[in-house]
Amino acid sequence: MPKSLHSKRHLMIAAALAEQRRSKGLSQAQVAKAFGRHQPFIANIESGQRRVDLVELLELAEIIDLDVLALVKQVMDS
């Protein structure tokens, strides 16, 4: 089993977060500020260099209005 940091599923989550952020017209800095972190934190998630745990995913999804259930289904079906 491949390491999850660089797995296809991990990269799908990272890409979905970045795509949704951009579709909402938000910068990484804006999301980071709302999340209480610095911009590189968001950049590392979106680039696949940092894993997102479930609580972080839920909080980020709330900030960028991402449907987590739909994302999970998409990832599971891949």
PDB file of N, CA and C in Angstrom:
ATOM      1  N   MET A   1       0.850  -1.183   0.000  1.00  0.00           N
ATOM      2  CA  MET A   1       0.000   0.000   0.000  1.00  0.00           C
ATOM      3  C   MET A   1       0.892   1.241   0.000  1.00  0.00           C
ATOM      4  N   PRO A   2       0.643   2.202  -0.895  1.00  0.00           N
ATOM      5  CA  PRO A   2       1.469   3.403  -0.945  1.00  0.00           C
ATOM      6  C   PRO A   2       1.230   4.287   0.280  1.00  0.00           C
ATOM      7  N   LYS A   3       2.236   5.088   0.601  1.00  0.00           N
ATOM      8  CA  LYS A   3       2.074   6.025   1.701  1.00  0.00           C
ATOM      9  C   LYS A   3       0.975   7.019   1.343  1.00  0.00           C
ATOM     10  N   SER A   4       0.143   7.351   2.328  1.00  0.00           N
ATOM     11  CA  SER A   4      -1.018   8.191   2.039  1.00  0.00           C
ATOM     12  C   SER A   4      -0.653   9.621   1.674  1.00  0.00           C
ATOM     13  N   LEU A   5       0.531  10.101   2.076  1.00  0.00           N
ATOM     14  CA  LEU A   5       0.904  11.476   1.770  1.00  0.00           C
ATOM     15  C   LEU A   5       0.978  11.708   0.269  1.00  0.00           C
ATOM     16  N   HIS A   6       1.377  10.698  -0.475  1.00  0.00           N
ATOM     17  CA  HIS A   6       1.512  10.871  -1.919  1.00  0.00           C
ATOM     18  C   HIS A   6       0.577   9.952  -2.692  1.00  0.00           C
ATOM     19  N   SER A   7      -0.445   9.466  -2.041  1.00  0.00           N
ATOM     20  CA  SER A   7      -1.382   8.580  -2.720  1.00  0.00           C
ATOM     21  C   SER A   7      -2.295   9.380  -3.639  1.00  0.00           C
ATOM     22  N   LYS A   8      -2.894   8.671  -4.572  1.00  0.00           N
ATOM     23  CA  LYS A   8      -3.839   9.299  -5.497  1.00  0.00           C
ATOM     24  C   LYS A   8      -4.973   9.959  -4.719  1.00  0.00           C
ATOM     25  N   ARG A   9      -5.453   9.294  -3.698  1.00  0.00           N
ATOM     26  CA  ARG A   9      -6.568   9.838  -2.914  1.00  0.00           C
ATOM     27  C   ARG A   9      -6.167  11.104  -2.158  1.00  0.00           C
ATOM     28  N   HIS A  10      -4.995  11.091  -1.603  1.00  0.00           N
ATOM     29  CA  HIS A  10      -4.524  12.287  -0.897  1.00  0.00           C
ATOM     30  C   HIS A  10      -4.426  13.465  -1.856  1.00  0.00           C
ATOM     31  N   LEU A  11      -3.886  13.222  -3.025  1.00  0.00           N
ATOM     32  CA  LEU A  11      -3.749  14.292  -4.010  1.00  0.00           C
ATOM     33  C   LEU A  11      -5.108  14.773  -4.517  1.00  0.00           C
ATOM     34  N   MET A  12      -6.093  13.875  -4.574  1.00  0.00           N
ATOM     35  CA  MET A  12      -7.452  14.278  -4.962  1.00  0.00           C
ATOM     36  C   MET A  12      -8.043  15.246  -3.937  1.00  0.00           C
ATOM     37  N   ILE A  13      -7.826  14.969  -2.666  1.00  0.00           N
ATOM     38  CA  ILE A  13      -8.330  15.856  -1.610  1.00  0.00           C
ATOM     39  C   ILE A  13      -7.651  17.206  -1.690  1.00  0.00           C
ATOM     40  N   ALA A  14      -6.333  17.202  -1.854  1.00  0.00           N
ATOM     41  CA  ALA A  14      -5.585  18.455  -1.959  1.00  0.00           C
ATOM     42  C   ALA A  14      -6.071  19.281  -3.144  1.00  0.00           C
ATOM     43  N   ALA A  15      -6.272  18.623  -4.278  1.00  0.00           N
ATOM     44  CA  ALA A  15      -6.728  19.323  -5.482  1.00  0.00           C
ATOM     45  C   ALA A  15      -8.138  19.876  -5.299  1.00  0.00           C
ATOM     46  N   ALA A  16      -9.002  19.102  -4.655  1.00  0.00           N
ATOM     47  CA  ALA A  16     -10.377  19.556  -4.431  1.00  0.00           C
ATOM     48  C   ALA A  16     -10.402  20.790  -3.528  1.00  0.00           C
ATOM     49  N   LEU A  17      -9.571  20.794  -2.502  1.00  0.00           N
ATOM     50  CA  LEU A  17      -9.499  21.953  -1.612  1.00  0.00           C
ATOM     51  C   LEU A  17      -9.034  23.190  -2.379  1.00  0.00           C
ATOM     52  N   ALA A  18      -7.998  23.040  -3.181  1.00  0.00           N
ATOM     53  CA  ALA A  18      -7.474  24.170  -3.946  1.00  0.00           C
ATOM     54  C   ALA A  18      -8.490  24.669  -4.968  1.00  0.00           C
ATOM     55  N   GLU A  19      -9.125  23.744  -5.662  1.00  0.00           N
ATOM     56  CA  GLU A  19     -10.103  24.120  -6.688  1.00  0.00           C
ATOM     57  C   GLU A  19     -11.298  24.857  -6.069  1.00  0.00           C
ATOM     58  N   GLN A  20     -11.795  24.349  -4.959  1.00  0.00           N
ATOM     59  CA  GLN A  20     -12.944  24.983  -4.314  1.00  0.00           C
ATOM     60  C   GLN A  20     -12.570  26.363  -3.768  1.00  0.00           C
ATOM     61  N   ARG A  21     -11.383  26.473  -3.199  1.00  0.00           N
ATOM     62  CA  ARG A  21     -10.919  27.777  -2.702  1.00  0.00           C
ATOM     63  C   ARG A  21     -10.898  28.796  -3.831  1.00  0.00           C
ATOM     64  N   ARG A  22     -10.316  28.393  -4.957  1.00  0.00           N
ATOM     65  CA  ARG A  22     -10.236  29.303  -6.102  1.00  0.00           C
ATOM     66  C   ARG A  22     -11.622  29.637  -6.644  1.00  0.00           C
ATOM     67  N   SER A  23     -12.508  28.641  -6.683  1.00  0.00           N
ATOM     68  CA  SER A  23     -13.850  28.893  -7.217  1.00  0.00           C
ATOM     69  C   SER A  23     -14.633  29.870  -6.346  1.00  0.00           C
ATOM     70  N   LYS A  24     -14.287  29.960  -5.096  1.00  0.00           N
ATOM     71  CA  LYS A  24     -14.937  30.915  -4.187  1.00  0.00           C
ATOM     72  C   LYS A  24     -14.234  32.269  -4.202  1.00  0.00           C
ATOM     73  N   GLY A  25     -13.172  32.390  -5.004  1.00  0.00           N
ATOM     74  CA  GLY A  25     -12.459  33.658  -5.124  1.00  0.00           C
ATOM     75  C   GLY A  25     -11.630  34.009  -3.899  1.00  0.00           C
ATOM     76  N   LEU A  26     -11.207  32.986  -3.170  1.00  0.00           N
ATOM     77  CA  LEU A  26     -10.425  33.207  -1.961  1.00  0.00           C
ATOM     78  C   LEU A  26      -8.950  32.930  -2.214  1.00  0.00           C
ATOM     79  N   SER A  27      -8.107  33.727  -1.604  1.00  0.00           N
ATOM     80  CA  SER A  27      -6.669  33.482  -1.686  1.00  0.00           C
ATOM     81  C   SER A  27      -6.273  32.506  -0.576  1.00  0.00           C
ATOM     82  N   GLN A  28      -5.103  31.931  -0.726  1.00  0.00           N
ATOM     83  CA  GLN A  28      -4.587  31.061   0.331  1.00  0.00           C
ATOM     84  C   GLN A  28      -4.455  31.852   1.631  1.00  0.00           C
ATOM     85  N   ALA A  29      -4.038  33.098   1.523  1.00  0.00           N
ATOM     86  CA  ALA A  29      -3.870  33.942   2.708  1.00  0.00           C
ATOM     87  C   ALA A  29      -5.205  34.178   3.413  1.00  0.00           C
ATOM     88  N   GLN A  30      -6.265  34.386   2.653  1.00  0.00           N
ATOM     89  CA  GLN A  30      -7.587  34.596   3.258  1.00  0.00           C
ATOM     90  C   GLN A  30      -8.068  33.344   3.986  1.00  0.00           C
ATOM     91  N   VAL A  31      -7.881  32.201   3.360  1.00  0.00           N
ATOM     92  CA  VAL A  31      -8.288  30.943   3.987  1.00  0.00           C
ATOM     93  C   VAL A  31      -7.443  30.690   5.232  1.00  0.00           C
ATOM     94  N   ALA A  32      -6.155  30.929   5.129  1.00  0.00           N
ATOM     95  CA  ALA A  32      -5.266  30.728   6.274  1.00  0.00           C
ATOM     96  C   ALA A  32      -5.670  31.611   7.447  1.00  0.00           C
ATOM     97  N   LYS A  33      -5.989  32.851   7.165  1.00  0.00           N
ATOM     98  CA  LYS A  33      -6.392  33.767   8.226  1.00  0.00           C
ATOM     99  C   LYS A  33      -7.672  33.277   8.906  1.00  0.00           C
ATOM    100  N   ALA A  34      -8.655  32.856   8.114  1.00  0.00           N
ATOM    101  CA  ALA A  34      -9.910  32.343   8.665  1.00  0.00           C
ATOM    102  C   ALA A  34      -9.682  31.060   9.459  1.00  0.00           C
ATOM    103  N   PHE A  35      -8.656  30.316   9.080  1.00  0.00           N
ATOM    104  CA  PHE A  35      -8.320  29.043   9.716  1.00  0.00           C
ATOM    105  C   PHE A  35      -7.412  29.239  10.930  1.00  0.00           C
ATOM    106  N   GLY A  36      -6.858  30.454  11.055  1.00  0.00           N
ATOM    107  CA  GLY A  36      -5.962  30.735  12.172  1.00  0.00           C
ATOM    108  C   GLY A  36      -4.548  30.241  11.978  1.00  0.00           C
ATOM    109  N   ARG A  37      -4.142  30.137  10.714  1.00  0.00           N
ATOM    110  CA  ARG A  37      -2.794  29.663  10.374  1.00  0.00           C
ATOM    111  C   ARG A  37      -2.169  30.642   9.394  1.00  0.00           C
ATOM    112  N   HIS A  38      -0.928  30.352   8.994  1.00  0.00           N
ATOM    113  CA  HIS A  38      -0.236  31.183   8.014  1.00  0.00           C
ATOM    114  C   HIS A  38      -0.440  30.604   6.622  1.00  0.00           C
ATOM    115  N   GLN A  39      -0.269  31.442   5.602  1.00  0.00           N
ATOM    116  CA  GLN A  39      -0.489  31.049   4.208  1.00  0.00           C
ATOM    117  C   GLN A  39       0.310  29.805   3.793  1.00  0.00           C
ATOM    118  N   PRO A  40       1.573  29.653   4.207  1.00  0.00           N
ATOM    119  CA  PRO A  40       2.297  28.445   3.786  1.00  0.00           C
ATOM    120  C   PRO A  40       1.643  27.140   4.246  1.00  0.00           C
ATOM    121  N   PHE A  41       0.910  27.186   5.333  1.00  0.00           N
ATOM    122  CA  PHE A  41       0.189  26.012   5.812  1.00  0.00           C
ATOM    123  C   PHE A  41      -0.807  25.545   4.750  1.00  0.00           C
ATOM    124  N   ILE A  42      -1.559  26.489   4.194  1.00  0.00           N
ATOM    125  CA  ILE A  42      -2.541  26.163   3.148  1.00  0.00           C
ATOM    126  C   ILE A  42      -1.824  25.733   1.871  1.00  0.00           C
ATOM    127  N   ALA A  43      -0.754  26.427   1.532  1.00  0.00           N
ATOM    128  CA  ALA A  43       0.017  26.070   0.334  1.00  0.00           C
ATOM    129  C   ALA A  43       0.543  24.643   0.434  1.00  0.00           C
ATOM    130  N   ASN A  44       1.016  24.253   1.602  1.00  0.00           N
ATOM    131  CA  ASN A  44       1.538  22.894   1.781  1.00  0.00           C
ATOM    132  C   ASN A  44       0.448  21.844   1.660  1.00  0.00           C
ATOM    133  N   ILE A  45      -0.748  22.155   2.125  1.00  0.00           N
ATOM    134  CA  ILE A  45      -1.874  21.229   1.967  1.00  0.00           C
ATOM    135  C   ILE A  45      -2.225  21.094   0.491  1.00  0.00           C
ATOM    136  N   GLU A  46      -2.381  22.222  -0.176  1.00  0.00           N
ATOM    137  CA  GLU A  46      -2.813  22.206  -1.579  1.00  0.00           C
ATOM    138  C   GLU A  46      -1.776  21.586  -2.504  1.00  0.00           C
ATOM    139  N   SER A  47      -0.515  21.675  -2.137  1.00  0.00           N
ATOM    140  CA  SER A  47       0.536  21.098  -2.974  1.00  0.00           C
ATOM    141  C   SER A  47       0.769  19.618  -2.672  1.00  0.00           C
ATOM    142  N   GLY A  48       0.081  19.109  -1.647  1.00  0.00           N
ATOM    143  CA  GLY A  48       0.242  17.707  -1.291  1.00  0.00           C
ATOM    144  C   GLY A  48       1.411  17.439  -0.376  1.00  0.00           C
ATOM    145  N   GLN A  49       2.034  18.484   0.136  1.00  0.00           N
ATOM    146  CA  GLN A  49       3.184  18.312   1.027  1.00  0.00           C
ATOM    147  C   GLN A  49       2.783  18.091   2.483  1.00  0.00           C
ATOM    148  N   ARG A  50       1.516  18.384   2.789  1.00  0.00           N
ATOM    149  CA  ARG A  50       1.024  18.205   4.151  1.00  0.00           C
ATOM    150  C   ARG A  50      -0.318  17.506   4.116  1.00  0.00           C
ATOM    151  N   ARG A  51      -0.467  16.519   4.971  1.00  0.00           N
ATOM    152  CA  ARG A  51      -1.722  15.795   5.124  1.00  0.00           C
ATOM    153  C   ARG A  51      -2.738  16.640   5.877  1.00  0.00           C
ATOM    154  N   VAL A  52      -4.002  16.407   5.628  1.00  0.00           N
ATOM    155  CA  VAL A  52      -5.085  17.069   6.347  1.00  0.00           C
ATOM    156  C   VAL A  52      -5.795  16.009   7.178  1.00  0.00           C
ATOM    157  N   ASP A  53      -5.929  16.262   8.487  1.00  0.00           N
ATOM    158  CA  ASP A  53      -6.703  15.306   9.273  1.00  0.00           C
ATOM    159  C   ASP A  53      -8.187  15.636   9.135  1.00  0.00           C
ATOM    160  N   LEU A  54      -9.028  14.785   9.677  1.00  0.00           N
ATOM    161  CA  LEU A  54     -10.465  14.937   9.486  1.00  0.00           C
ATOM    162  C   LEU A  54     -10.983  16.253  10.051  1.00  0.00           C
ATOM    163  N   VAL A  55     -10.547  16.624  11.229  1.00  0.00           N
ATOM    164  CA  VAL A  55     -11.014  17.868  11.843  1.00  0.00           C
ATOM    165  C   VAL A  55     -10.594  19.066  10.997  1.00  0.00           C
ATOM    166  N   GLU A  56      -9.351  19.058  10.517  1.00  0.00           N
ATOM    167  CA  GLU A  56      -8.883  20.146   9.649  1.00  0.00           C
ATOM    168  C   GLU A  56      -9.695  20.188   8.361  1.00  0.00           C
ATOM    169  N   LEU A  57      -9.960  19.024   7.783  1.00  0.00           N
ATOM    170  CA  LEU A  57     -10.748  18.969   6.553  1.00  0.00           C
ATOM    171  C   LEU A  57     -12.126  19.576   6.770  1.00  0.00           C
ATOM    172  N   LEU A  58     -12.764  19.229   7.868  1.00  0.00           N
ATOM    173  CA  LEU A  58     -14.090  19.769   8.153  1.00  0.00           C
ATOM    174  C   LEU A  58     -14.052  21.285   8.339  1.00  0.00           C
ATOM    175  N   GLU A  59     -13.039  21.781   9.035  1.00  0.00           N
ATOM    176  CA  GLU A  59     -12.923  23.223   9.253  1.00  0.00           C
ATOM    177  C   GLU A  59     -12.622  23.961   7.954  1.00  0.00           C
ATOM    178  N   LEU A  60     -11.708  23.421   7.158  1.00  0.00           N
ATOM    179  CA  LEU A  60     -11.404  24.043   5.872  1.00  0.00           C
ATOM    180  C   LEU A  60     -12.623  24.019   4.953  1.00  0.00           C
ATOM    181  N   ALA A  61     -13.334  22.904   4.952  1.00  0.00           N
ATOM    182  CA  ALA A  61     -14.527  22.781   4.112  1.00  0.00           C
ATOM    183  C   ALA A  61     -15.559  23.837   4.484  1.00  0.00           C
ATOM    184  N   GLU A  62     -15.683  24.106   5.761  1.00  0.00           N
ATOM    185  CA  GLU A  62     -16.628  25.128   6.207  1.00  0.00           C
ATOM    186  C   GLU A  62     -16.211  26.506   5.693  1.00  0.00           C
ATOM    187  N   ILE A  63     -14.933  26.792   5.728  1.00  0.00           N
ATOM    188  CA  ILE A  63     -14.419  28.091   5.280  1.00  0.00           C
ATOM    189  C   ILE A  63     -14.639  28.280   3.785  1.00  0.00           C
ATOM    190  N   ILE A  64     -14.410  27.224   3.004  1.00  0.00           N
ATOM    191  CA  ILE A  64     -14.490  27.363   1.541  1.00  0.00           C
ATOM    192  C   ILE A  64     -15.788  26.814   0.959  1.00  0.00           C
ATOM    193  N   ASP A  65     -16.690  26.403   1.825  1.00  0.00           N
ATOM    194  CA  ASP A  65     -18.002  25.895   1.403  1.00  0.00           C
ATOM    195  C   ASP A  65     -17.860  24.670   0.504  1.00  0.00           C
ATOM    196  N   LEU A  66     -17.117  23.690   0.988  1.00  0.00           N
ATOM    197  CA  LEU A  66     -16.882  22.444   0.259  1.00  0.00           C
ATOM    198  C   LEU A  66     -17.788  21.353   0.816  1.00  0.00           C
ATOM    199  N   ASP A  67     -18.430  20.605  -0.045  1.00  0.00           N
ATOM    200  CA  ASP A  67     -19.273  19.481   0.359  1.00  0.00           C
ATOM    201  C   ASP A  67     -18.365  18.282   0.658  1.00  0.00           C
ATOM    202  N   VAL A  68     -18.098  18.069   1.931  1.00  0.00           N
ATOM    203  CA  VAL A  68     -17.176  17.015   2.343  1.00  0.00           C
ATOM    204  C   VAL A  68     -17.720  15.632   1.997  1.00  0.00           C
ATOM    205  N   LEU A  69     -19.013  15.429   2.174  1.00  0.00           N
ATOM    206  CA  LEU A  69     -19.591  14.121   1.866  1.00  0.00           C
ATOM    207  C   LEU A  69     -19.426  13.770   0.392  1.00  0.00           C
ATOM    208  N   ALA A  70     -19.644  14.740  -0.474  1.00  0.00           N
ATOM    209  CA  ALA A  70     -19.456  14.502  -1.907  1.00  0.00           C
ATOM    210  C   ALA A  70     -17.985  14.216  -2.213  1.00  0.00           C
ATOM    211  N   LEU A  71     -17.088  14.927  -1.546  1.00  0.00           N
ATOM    212  CA  LEU A  71     -15.654  14.693  -1.760  1.00  0.00           C
ATOM    213  C   LEU A  71     -15.262  13.298  -1.307  1.00  0.00           C
ATOM    214  N   VAL A  72     -15.732  12.905  -0.145  1.00  0.00           N
ATOM    215  CA  VAL A  72     -15.406  11.572   0.367  1.00  0.00           C
ATOM    216  C   VAL A  72     -15.927  10.494  -0.587  1.00  0.00           C
ATOM    217  N   LYS A  73     -17.134  10.657  -1.078  1.00  0.00           N
ATOM    218  CA  LYS A  73     -17.692   9.684  -2.032  1.00  0.00           C
ATOM    219  C   LYS A  73     -16.840   9.616  -3.294  1.00  0.00           C
ATOM    220  N   GLN A  74     -16.446  10.786  -3.809  1.00  0.00           N
ATOM    221  CA  GLN A  74     -15.602  10.829  -5.010  1.00  0.00           C
ATOM    222  C   GLN A  74     -14.272  10.115  -4.760  1.00  0.00           C
ATOM    223  N   VAL A  75     -13.679  10.366  -3.613  1.00  0.00           N
ATOM    224  CA  VAL A  75     -12.389   9.744  -3.288  1.00  0.00           C
ATOM    225  C   VAL A  75     -12.551   8.238  -3.117  1.00  0.00           C
ATOM    226  N   MET A  76     -13.611   7.821  -2.464  1.00  0.00           N
ATOM    227  CA  MET A  76     -13.833   6.388  -2.264  1.00  0.00           C
ATOM    228  C   MET A  76     -14.105   5.650  -3.576  1.00  0.00           C
ATOM    229  N   ASP A  77     -14.737   6.341  -4.520  1.00  0.00           N
ATOM    230  CA  ASP A  77     -15.052   5.730  -5.801  1.00  0.00           C
ATOM    231  C   ASP A  77     -13.869   5.699  -6.769  1.00  0.00           C
ATOM    232  N   SER A  78     -12.794   6.360  -6.394  1.00  0.00           N
ATOM    233  CA  SER A  78     -11.642   6.424  -7.313  1.00  0.00           C
ATOM    234  C   SER A  78     -10.793   5.170  -7.239  1.00  0.00           C
TER     235      SER A  78
END
